[in-house]
Amino acid sequence: MRGDVGVRTVLVTGFEPFAGAADNPSGDAVRRLARDWDGPERLVTEVLPVTFADAAARVCALIDEHDPVAVVAVGLAEGRAELTPERVAVNLADARIPDNAGAQPVDEPVVAGGPAAYLTTAPVKHAVAALLAAGLPAAVSHTAGTFVCNHVFYAVLHHLATTGRAHVPATFVHVPAATVVAVPDQARALDLVVRTLLAPSPAPLVGGALH
């Protein structure tokens, strides 16, 4: 279902709890965003399973079903102190812990024969600037890890690139623990990220990392 003709659709996904945790703020923040979203775009949200086998396939199916004009996937990075839009997805699944189905791939590709990496198609430096201007802690990240978060991020960018949608802005946002940034603020941050992706293409911003 692609919604009303002429109404743009945005896809935002979070994750269920994993590693024995009772909750996952990425899923909670996405649910809160869905509750508070006031358009005008149509927002499609889903909380994904933390499994290598199902998460990437599900988000790619959602892209095909809804043909979104922007995609934001969200996951938890518990050790971080900032909201971190990701810039790079790597073609590597290397799990330090099992996923929720017990799978633990080691040194495997996300997509066999795929490129070694993809760069985000979204203006993540501008998203970070918007978050900082709103008083939220934020920074660009250059690694999404090698667990299910990166797996989904790479799968999204690969799917967009290979289905004629390379122009669609897409990124992954890692959120910290809810004790660091509360879920309502995480939802507010996701709203800002989405609206940054929907804005006209901005001029480049100076940024990058020295190490």
Protein backbone atom coordinates (compact mmCIF):
# COMPACT_ATOMS: atom_id res chain seq x y z
CA MET A 1 0.00 0.00 0.00
CA ARG A 2 1.58 3.28 -1.13
CA GLY A 3 -0.85 5.75 0.43
CA ASP A 4 -2.71 8.58 -1.26
CA VAL A 5 -1.50 9.76 -4.65
CA GLY A 6 0.81 12.73 -4.24
CA VAL A 7 1.49 12.11 -0.53
CA ARG A 8 5.12 11.32 0.17
CA THR A 9 5.92 8.37 2.43
CA VAL A 10 8.78 8.10 4.91
CA LEU A 11 9.89 4.78 6.40
CA VAL A 12 11.34 4.68 9.92
CA THR A 13 12.27 1.45 11.70
CA GLY A 14 13.51 0.59 15.19
CA PHE A 15 14.41 -2.67 16.92
CA GLU A 16 12.92 -4.94 19.53
CA PRO A 17 14.85 -5.68 22.77
CA PHE A 18 17.84 -7.99 22.52
CA ALA A 19 20.56 -9.60 24.64
CA GLY A 20 18.09 -10.20 27.48
CA ALA A 21 17.10 -6.54 27.88
CA ALA A 22 13.53 -5.65 28.85
CA ASP A 23 13.24 -2.86 26.30
CA ASN A 24 15.01 -1.14 23.43
CA PRO A 25 14.79 2.67 23.22
CA SER A 26 15.15 2.58 19.45
CA GLY A 27 11.82 0.79 19.14
CA ASP A 28 10.26 2.93 21.88
CA ALA A 29 11.41 6.15 20.18
CA VAL A 30 10.05 5.04 16.81
CA ARG A 31 6.67 4.25 18.39
CA ARG A 32 6.68 7.67 20.06
CA LEU A 33 7.59 9.34 16.75
CA ALA A 34 4.65 7.57 15.08
CA ARG A 35 2.32 8.78 17.83
CA ASP A 36 3.48 12.40 17.62
CA TRP A 37 4.06 12.75 13.86
CA ASP A 38 2.04 15.59 12.33
CA GLY A 39 2.98 15.20 8.66
CA PRO A 40 2.38 16.34 6.04
CA GLU A 41 4.20 13.24 4.84
CA ARG A 42 2.81 9.80 5.57
CA LEU A 43 4.94 8.01 8.14
CA VAL A 44 5.33 4.23 8.05
CA THR A 45 7.05 2.72 11.09
CA GLU A 46 7.93 -0.77 12.21
CA VAL A 47 9.90 -2.36 15.04
CA LEU A 48 12.15 -4.99 13.51
CA PRO A 49 13.33 -8.29 14.98
CA VAL A 50 16.97 -8.38 16.08
CA THR A 51 17.81 -11.23 13.74
CA PHE A 52 20.15 -11.39 10.80
CA ALA A 53 17.76 -13.66 8.92
CA ASP A 54 14.65 -11.50 9.14
CA ALA A 55 15.42 -7.83 9.85
CA ALA A 56 17.04 -6.91 6.55
CA ALA A 57 14.50 -8.86 4.51
CA ARG A 58 11.65 -7.13 6.32
CA VAL A 59 12.94 -3.59 5.83
CA CYS A 60 13.60 -4.25 2.13
CA ALA A 61 10.04 -5.59 1.78
CA LEU A 62 8.74 -2.41 3.41
CA ILE A 63 10.70 -0.32 0.91
CA ASP A 64 9.16 -2.25 -1.98
CA GLU A 65 5.67 -2.00 -0.48
CA HIS A 66 5.67 1.70 0.36
CA ASP A 67 8.24 3.22 -2.05
CA PRO A 68 9.40 5.80 0.53
CA VAL A 69 11.08 9.08 -0.32
CA ALA A 70 13.34 8.73 2.75
CA VAL A 71 14.42 5.89 5.02
CA VAL A 72 15.69 6.14 8.59
CA ALA A 73 16.60 2.97 10.44
CA VAL A 74 17.25 3.29 14.17
CA GLY A 75 19.12 1.11 16.65
CA LEU A 76 20.65 1.15 20.11
CA ALA A 77 24.32 1.90 20.79
CA GLU A 78 24.27 1.63 24.55
CA GLY A 79 27.82 2.80 25.16
CA ARG A 80 27.46 6.06 23.25
CA ALA A 81 26.59 9.41 24.80
CA GLU A 82 25.18 11.03 21.66
CA LEU A 83 22.64 10.52 18.91
CA THR A 84 24.78 9.35 16.02
CA PRO A 85 23.61 9.30 12.41
CA GLU A 86 25.77 6.78 10.57
CA ARG A 87 27.79 7.56 7.46
CA VAL A 88 29.13 4.13 6.42
CA ALA A 89 27.65 0.64 6.13
CA VAL A 90 30.09 -2.24 5.60
CA ASN A 91 29.47 -5.58 3.93
CA LEU A 92 30.34 -7.56 7.05
CA ALA A 93 28.35 -9.55 9.58
CA ASP A 94 30.58 -10.38 12.55
CA ALA A 95 28.53 -10.94 15.68
CA ARG A 96 30.11 -10.68 19.13
CA ILE A 97 26.86 -12.06 20.62
CA PRO A 98 24.06 -14.18 19.12
CA ASP A 99 21.02 -12.45 17.70
CA ASN A 100 17.54 -13.13 19.07
CA ALA A 101 17.28 -16.29 16.99
CA GLY A 102 20.62 -17.61 18.24
CA ALA A 103 22.51 -16.88 15.00
CA GLN A 104 26.08 -15.65 15.33
CA PRO A 105 27.71 -15.13 11.93
CA VAL A 106 31.46 -14.64 11.93
CA ASP A 107 33.24 -12.79 9.13
CA GLU A 108 30.36 -13.24 6.68
CA PRO A 109 29.15 -10.76 4.05
CA VAL A 110 25.80 -9.05 4.42
CA VAL A 111 25.32 -9.49 0.65
CA ALA A 112 27.55 -11.99 -1.12
CA GLY A 113 29.36 -10.24 -3.96
CA GLY A 114 28.15 -6.81 -2.86
CA PRO A 115 30.38 -3.75 -2.58
CA ALA A 116 32.66 -3.60 0.43
CA ALA A 117 30.76 -0.59 1.77
CA TYR A 118 28.14 2.02 1.03
CA LEU A 119 28.12 5.66 2.09
CA THR A 120 24.84 7.03 3.38
CA THR A 121 22.74 8.84 0.81
CA ALA A 122 21.49 11.26 3.50
CA PRO A 123 22.95 14.63 4.60
CA VAL A 124 24.00 13.35 8.01
CA LYS A 125 26.19 16.35 8.86
CA HIS A 126 23.18 18.60 8.38
CA ALA A 127 21.09 16.26 10.52
CA VAL A 128 23.66 16.50 13.30
CA ALA A 129 23.70 20.29 12.98
CA ALA A 130 19.91 20.32 13.37
CA LEU A 131 20.09 18.11 16.46
CA LEU A 132 22.77 20.26 18.07
CA ALA A 133 20.79 23.41 17.31
CA ALA A 134 17.86 21.82 19.14
CA GLY A 135 20.01 21.20 22.21
CA LEU A 136 20.38 17.46 21.64
CA PRO A 137 23.78 15.69 21.90
CA ALA A 138 24.77 14.46 18.45
CA ALA A 139 27.72 13.52 16.27
CA VAL A 140 28.33 11.87 12.92
CA SER A 141 29.48 8.26 13.30
CA HIS A 142 31.68 6.44 10.81
CA THR A 143 30.98 2.94 12.07
CA ALA A 144 27.66 1.20 12.60
CA GLY A 145 29.38 -1.88 14.03
CA THR A 146 29.04 -5.36 12.55
CA PHE A 147 25.88 -6.61 14.26
CA VAL A 148 22.25 -6.43 13.08
CA CYS A 149 22.22 -2.61 12.96
CA ASN A 150 24.93 -2.48 10.31
CA HIS A 151 23.35 -5.49 8.60
CA VAL A 152 20.09 -3.58 8.14
CA PHE A 153 21.85 -0.34 7.17
CA TYR A 154 23.90 -2.08 4.46
CA ALA A 155 20.87 -4.01 3.21
CA VAL A 156 18.82 -0.80 2.90
CA LEU A 157 21.51 1.02 0.91
CA HIS A 158 22.18 -2.02 -1.28
CA HIS A 159 18.48 -2.50 -1.96
CA LEU A 160 17.99 1.16 -2.86
CA ALA A 161 21.06 1.11 -5.11
CA THR A 162 19.98 -2.03 -6.96
CA THR A 163 16.30 -1.19 -7.42
CA GLY A 164 16.63 2.20 -9.08
CA ARG A 165 16.25 4.17 -5.84
CA ALA A 166 19.81 5.35 -5.26
CA HIS A 167 18.48 8.92 -5.05
CA VAL A 168 16.44 8.15 -1.91
CA PRO A 169 18.11 9.58 1.21
CA ALA A 170 18.66 6.86 3.77
CA THR A 171 20.66 6.58 6.94
CA PHE A 172 20.90 4.70 10.20
CA VAL A 173 20.69 6.52 13.53
CA HIS A 174 22.16 4.98 16.65
CA VAL A 175 20.53 6.19 19.85
CA PRO A 176 22.11 5.96 23.30
CA ALA A 177 20.49 4.40 26.34
CA ALA A 178 17.31 6.08 27.54
CA THR A 179 19.13 7.04 30.74
CA VAL A 180 21.43 9.21 28.60
CA VAL A 181 18.84 10.66 26.20
CA ALA A 182 15.24 10.11 27.23
CA VAL A 183 12.89 8.43 24.77
CA PRO A 184 10.78 11.58 24.16
CA ASP A 185 13.97 13.44 23.20
CA GLN A 186 15.05 10.54 21.02
CA ALA A 187 11.70 10.74 19.21
CA ARG A 188 12.12 14.50 18.81
CA ALA A 189 15.57 13.84 17.36
CA LEU A 190 14.19 11.35 14.86
CA ASP A 191 11.59 13.90 13.78
CA LEU A 192 14.41 16.39 13.10
CA VAL A 193 16.43 13.81 11.19
CA VAL A 194 13.46 12.89 9.01
CA ARG A 195 12.70 16.52 8.24
CA THR A 196 16.35 17.15 7.35
CA LEU A 197 16.21 14.29 4.86
CA LEU A 198 13.01 15.70 3.36
CA ALA A 199 14.41 19.21 2.91
CA PRO A 200 15.95 20.33 -0.41
CA SER A 201 19.52 19.18 -0.95
CA PRO A 202 21.72 21.40 1.22
CA ALA A 203 25.13 22.85 0.45
CA PRO A 204 28.05 20.74 1.77
CA LEU A 205 29.12 21.27 5.37
CA VAL A 206 32.70 21.09 6.60
CA GLY A 207 33.16 18.08 8.83
CA GLY A 208 34.89 14.72 8.84
CA ALA A 209 37.24 13.14 11.34
CA LEU A 210 40.99 13.22 11.82
CA HIS A 211 41.10 9.81 13.48
